[in-house]
Protein backbone atom coordinates (compact mmCIF):
# COMPACT_ATOMS: atom_id res chain seq x y z
CA MET A 1 90.12 89.18 215.95
CA GLN A 2 93.26 87.49 217.58
CA LYS A 3 91.57 87.19 221.05
CA ARG A 4 88.69 85.73 219.87
CA SER A 5 90.91 83.05 217.54
CA LEU A 6 93.12 82.77 221.02
CA PHE A 7 89.91 82.28 222.78
CA LEU A 8 88.75 79.13 220.31
CA ALA A 9 92.50 77.47 219.90
CA LEU A 10 92.44 77.31 224.30
CA THR A 11 88.68 76.32 224.05
CA ALA A 12 89.30 73.60 221.50
CA GLY A 13 92.63 72.36 223.54
CA VAL A 14 90.46 72.45 227.03
CA LEU A 15 88.17 69.97 225.19
CA ILE A 16 90.87 67.68 224.05
CA TRP A 17 92.26 67.67 226.47
CA GLY A 18 88.72 66.93 228.26
CA PHE A 19 88.32 63.77 225.56
CA GLY A 20 91.83 62.44 226.46
CA ALA A 21 91.05 62.58 230.50
CA LEU A 22 88.18 60.87 229.74
CA GLU A 23 89.26 57.97 227.75
CA ALA A 24 92.76 57.97 229.82
CA ARG A 25 90.30 56.74 233.02
CA ALA A 26 90.06 53.16 232.05
CA GLU A 27 88.87 50.61 234.15
CA SER A 28 91.75 48.99 235.81
CA LEU A 29 92.53 44.99 236.91
CA THR A 30 92.69 44.95 240.57
CA LEU A 31 94.30 41.94 242.59
CA SER A 32 93.90 41.55 245.71
CA VAL A 33 94.92 39.27 248.43
CA TYR A 34 93.34 38.63 252.19
CA ALA A 35 93.87 36.08 254.89
CA GLY A 36 90.86 34.07 255.46
CA THR A 37 88.57 32.66 253.78
CA ASP A 38 87.04 35.52 251.79
CA THR A 39 87.21 39.75 251.48
CA THR A 40 85.96 40.59 255.09
CA ALA A 41 88.99 38.58 256.86
CA ALA A 42 92.13 41.21 257.09
CA PHE A 43 93.71 42.60 254.11
CA LEU A 44 97.09 41.60 253.15
CA TYR A 45 98.28 43.33 249.93
CA GLN A 46 97.08 44.62 246.61
CA ALA A 47 98.18 45.30 242.68
CA ILE A 48 96.57 47.50 240.28
CA GLY A 49 97.20 46.78 236.48
CA SER A 50 95.79 47.78 233.28
CA SER A 51 92.45 47.03 231.50
CA THR A 52 93.65 43.74 230.65
CA ALA A 53 96.27 42.53 233.01
CA VAL A 54 97.65 42.38 236.31
CA THR A 55 100.94 41.04 237.87
CA ALA A 56 101.95 40.69 242.06
CA ASN A 57 104.48 41.95 242.92
CA THR A 58 105.40 38.56 244.37
CA GLY A 59 108.55 40.00 246.31
CA VAL A 60 105.92 41.93 248.47
CA LEU A 61 102.92 39.79 248.33
CA ASN A 62 105.21 36.98 250.15
CA SER A 63 106.81 39.77 252.63
CA ALA A 64 103.10 40.25 253.43
CA LEU A 65 101.96 36.55 253.93
CA SER A 66 105.13 36.25 256.05
CA GLY A 67 104.65 39.27 258.14
CA ALA A 68 100.96 38.21 258.59
CA GLY A 69 101.82 34.67 259.85
CA PHE A 70 101.43 32.61 256.44
CA GLY A 71 105.27 32.20 255.79
CA ALA A 72 103.77 28.62 254.62
CA TYR A 73 103.04 29.94 251.63
CA SER A 74 104.83 31.36 248.54
CA PHE A 75 103.87 32.29 245.21
CA SER A 76 105.84 32.00 242.33
CA ASN A 77 103.40 33.90 239.80
CA LEU A 78 99.79 35.19 240.31
CA GLY A 79 98.24 37.56 237.82
CA GLY A 80 94.61 38.13 235.71
CA THR A 81 93.51 38.97 232.57
CA SER A 82 90.30 39.95 231.36
CA ASN A 83 89.19 41.23 227.50
CA ASN A 84 87.86 44.35 228.21
CA PRO A 85 85.29 45.65 227.61
CA GLY A 86 83.89 42.35 226.17
CA SER A 87 83.13 40.50 223.52
CA THR A 88 79.48 39.78 221.44
CA GLN A 89 81.08 36.51 220.23
CA VAL A 90 79.14 33.74 221.23
CA GLY A 91 80.94 31.98 223.87
CA VAL A 92 82.91 34.41 224.63
CA GLY A 93 81.51 37.38 225.97
CA ALA A 94 83.08 39.61 228.69
CA PHE A 95 85.46 37.34 230.86
CA ILE A 96 88.52 37.87 233.68
CA GLN A 97 90.97 35.39 234.91
CA THR A 98 92.90 34.32 237.70
CA THR A 99 96.17 32.38 237.14
CA GLY A 100 99.10 31.31 239.79
CA GLY A 101 101.25 29.46 241.14
CA MET A 102 101.98 29.34 245.23
CA SER A 103 104.53 26.57 247.15
CA VAL A 104 103.69 25.35 250.67
CA THR A 105 106.74 25.14 253.16
CA ALA A 106 106.50 21.96 255.82
CA GLY A 107 105.87 23.49 258.99
CA GLY A 108 105.84 27.34 258.28
CA SER A 109 103.75 29.41 259.88
CA GLY A 110 99.99 28.92 258.65
CA GLU A 111 100.64 26.22 256.62
CA GLY A 112 97.33 25.01 255.88
CA THR A 113 95.30 28.23 256.64
CA PRO A 114 93.07 29.66 254.11
CA ILE A 115 93.90 32.71 252.23
CA THR A 116 91.93 34.52 249.68
CA VAL A 117 92.61 35.62 246.63
CA VAL A 118 89.94 38.44 244.87
CA LEU A 119 90.19 39.11 241.20
CA THR A 120 87.78 42.11 239.78
CA GLU A 121 87.25 44.71 237.29
CA GLY A 122 84.34 46.82 236.32
CA GLY A 123 83.42 48.94 233.00
CA PHE A 124 82.44 45.87 230.81
CA THR A 125 79.87 46.44 228.02
CA LEU A 126 79.57 43.71 226.18
CA PRO A 127 77.86 41.51 226.05
CA ALA A 128 74.33 43.55 226.14
CA ASN A 129 72.97 40.34 227.93
CA GLY A 130 73.57 37.06 228.43
CA PRO A 131 71.86 33.51 229.54
CA SER A 132 74.56 32.67 232.61
CA LEU A 133 77.58 33.82 234.52
CA GLN A 134 80.24 30.78 234.85
CA ASP A 135 83.06 30.09 236.87
CA VAL A 136 85.79 27.48 235.44
CA GLY A 137 88.67 26.67 237.70
CA GLN A 138 91.42 24.17 237.78
CA THR A 139 94.06 23.63 240.21
CA THR A 140 96.84 20.94 240.67
CA PHE A 141 97.95 19.89 243.93
CA ALA A 142 101.23 18.40 244.28
CA GLY A 143 103.56 16.63 247.30
CA LEU A 144 100.86 17.62 249.57
CA SER A 145 98.97 15.72 252.34
CA SER A 146 95.88 18.18 252.42
CA GLY A 147 95.08 20.60 250.12
CA SER A 148 91.38 23.09 249.42
CA TYR A 149 90.57 25.06 246.45
CA GLY A 150 87.71 26.59 246.28
CA THR A 151 86.24 29.31 243.52
CA GLU A 152 83.65 31.88 243.28
CA GLY A 153 82.17 34.11 240.76
CA LEU A 154 80.71 37.58 241.21
CA PHE A 155 78.68 39.70 238.72
CA THR A 156 77.29 43.14 239.59
CA ASP A 157 75.33 45.47 236.89
CA ALA A 158 74.94 49.64 236.94
CA THR A 159 72.07 49.39 239.10
CA GLY A 160 74.17 47.10 241.79
CA ALA A 161 71.87 43.90 241.50
CA THR A 162 74.51 40.91 241.67
CA ALA A 163 74.11 37.51 240.79
CA MET A 164 76.90 34.77 242.30
CA THR A 165 77.65 31.69 241.26
CA PRO A 166 77.60 28.81 243.83
CA LEU A 167 80.89 27.88 245.01
CA GLY A 168 83.02 24.84 243.88
CA THR A 169 85.72 23.39 246.06
CA LEU A 170 88.04 20.65 245.00
CA THR A 171 90.38 18.76 247.58
CA ASN A 172 92.54 16.98 244.94
CA THR A 173 94.39 17.84 240.97
CA GLY A 174 90.79 18.44 239.05
CA GLN A 175 89.13 21.07 237.44
CA THR A 176 85.10 22.46 238.85
CA THR A 177 82.45 24.54 236.78
CA VAL A 178 79.59 26.14 238.19
CA SER A 179 77.37 28.69 236.72
CA THR A 180 74.47 30.64 237.78
CA PRO A 181 71.24 32.07 235.26
CA LEU A 182 71.38 35.91 233.96
CA GLY A 183 68.50 37.81 233.67
CA ALA A 184 68.35 41.00 231.86
CA TYR A 185 71.10 43.22 233.38
CA VAL A 186 72.11 47.06 232.81
CA THR A 187 75.94 47.44 231.74
CA PRO A 188 78.43 48.57 232.14
CA PHE A 189 78.55 45.79 234.41
CA SER A 190 81.56 44.38 236.88
CA LEU A 191 82.88 40.74 237.11
CA GLU A 192 84.69 39.09 240.22
CA ASN A 193 86.01 35.91 241.01
CA GLN A 194 87.85 34.60 244.35
CA THR A 195 90.15 31.45 244.91
CA VAL A 196 90.10 30.40 248.28
CA LEU A 197 93.62 28.34 248.90
CA SER A 198 95.31 26.23 251.77
CA GLY A 199 97.81 23.02 251.52
CA THR A 200 99.78 21.04 254.02
CA SER A 201 103.47 19.92 252.99
CA LEU A 202 102.91 15.98 252.78
CA SER A 203 106.78 16.44 252.64
CA ARG A 204 107.98 17.50 256.71
CA ASN A 205 111.53 18.25 254.38
CA PRO A 206 111.64 21.99 254.26
CA LEU A 207 113.64 21.98 251.32
CA VAL A 208 111.00 20.23 249.09
CA PRO A 209 107.50 22.44 249.38
CA GLY A 210 104.38 20.97 248.50
CA ALA A 211 102.64 22.93 245.73
CA ILE A 212 99.73 24.36 244.00
CA SER A 213 98.51 25.57 241.04
CA ILE A 214 95.48 26.99 240.03
CA SER A 215 93.31 28.53 236.65
CA GLN A 216 90.15 30.43 237.15
CA THR A 217 88.03 31.67 234.88
CA VAL A 218 84.47 34.09 235.73
CA THR A 219 82.26 34.61 232.44
CA THR A 220 79.27 36.08 231.47
CA THR A 221 78.31 34.17 227.66
CA ALA A 222 76.89 36.37 225.00
CA SER A 223 73.58 35.30 224.26
CA VAL A 224 72.68 33.96 220.40
CA ILE A 225 71.64 36.37 218.02
CA PRO A 226 71.06 35.41 215.00
CA GLU A 227 72.45 37.38 211.63
CA PRO A 228 69.58 38.72 209.87
CA ALA A 229 70.41 36.12 206.69
CA SER A 230 70.69 33.41 209.69
CA LEU A 231 67.54 34.32 210.56
CA VAL A 232 66.06 34.52 207.31
CA MET A 233 67.21 30.93 206.11
CA MET A 234 65.80 29.53 209.98
CA LEU A 235 62.24 30.72 208.74
CA THR A 236 61.80 30.20 205.55
CA GLY A 237 64.68 26.84 205.29
CA MET A 238 66.25 29.16 202.40
CA PRO A 239 69.98 31.63 202.11
CA LEU A 240 68.91 35.13 202.16
CA SER A 241 69.37 35.76 198.08
CA LEU A 242 66.92 33.14 196.97
CA VAL A 243 64.35 34.28 199.35
CA VAL A 244 65.60 38.59 197.65
CA LEU A 245 65.38 36.90 193.63
CA GLY A 246 61.74 35.21 194.44
CA LEU A 247 59.82 38.75 195.99
CA ARG A 248 61.29 40.19 192.92
CA ARG A 249 59.99 37.67 190.39
CA ARG A 250 56.42 38.30 192.28
CA ARG A 251 56.93 42.00 191.67
CA ARG A 252 57.40 41.99 187.82
CA ALA A 253 54.61 39.13 187.38
CA ALA A 254 52.27 41.47 189.24
CA ALA A 255 53.59 44.37 187.06
């Protein structure tokens, strides 16, 4: 009897540990930086965060940039956020967002050469369907003789089917919004955004660098699915309570 009790206790413990391990295997936001205009270029840096936030170690990142010949670029901050596993709220859906600030030192190595920042995360389960994949990018250029900002969003569902937004670009301070329709898809799905940056400082004084700030959000929005009461009102023009009351009166009259 004691052996059986001990066995049951051990089994329960293993099951509890197993469920805990499954819960602990949450998805993580991953932030990567590459030399060049896409992810096929030389890899420079990577940070892995929680399911909703990731922050780059700018000291390590800037050292990697300098060592790879991009000493003109220096990040003051760089990170990402998400609302994993997503939301069914109309207009919200699932999203990831990249934000950061970078200075450009005149005459530094790699000045004017593009680098790519990639934020990605899988494991999104909501919304179960969405009308479109949208990528909104905002940037501010200051003290630059030239600069460029490119933004692109990528969606991949559980079957490996993908959708990508057209490339949105800016060469001056402003905002760009691009989107692509989404058909039916299978959850879970992943979201990715790519930000391509480059700049040449206007000042030839290394003590007065140019600057670029970025904010980029990739979103798949929830489809508009009316609640039952809203659906009744749409079809009949009457609130649900009045429809129910009318049905009750008809039944009483029939009886």
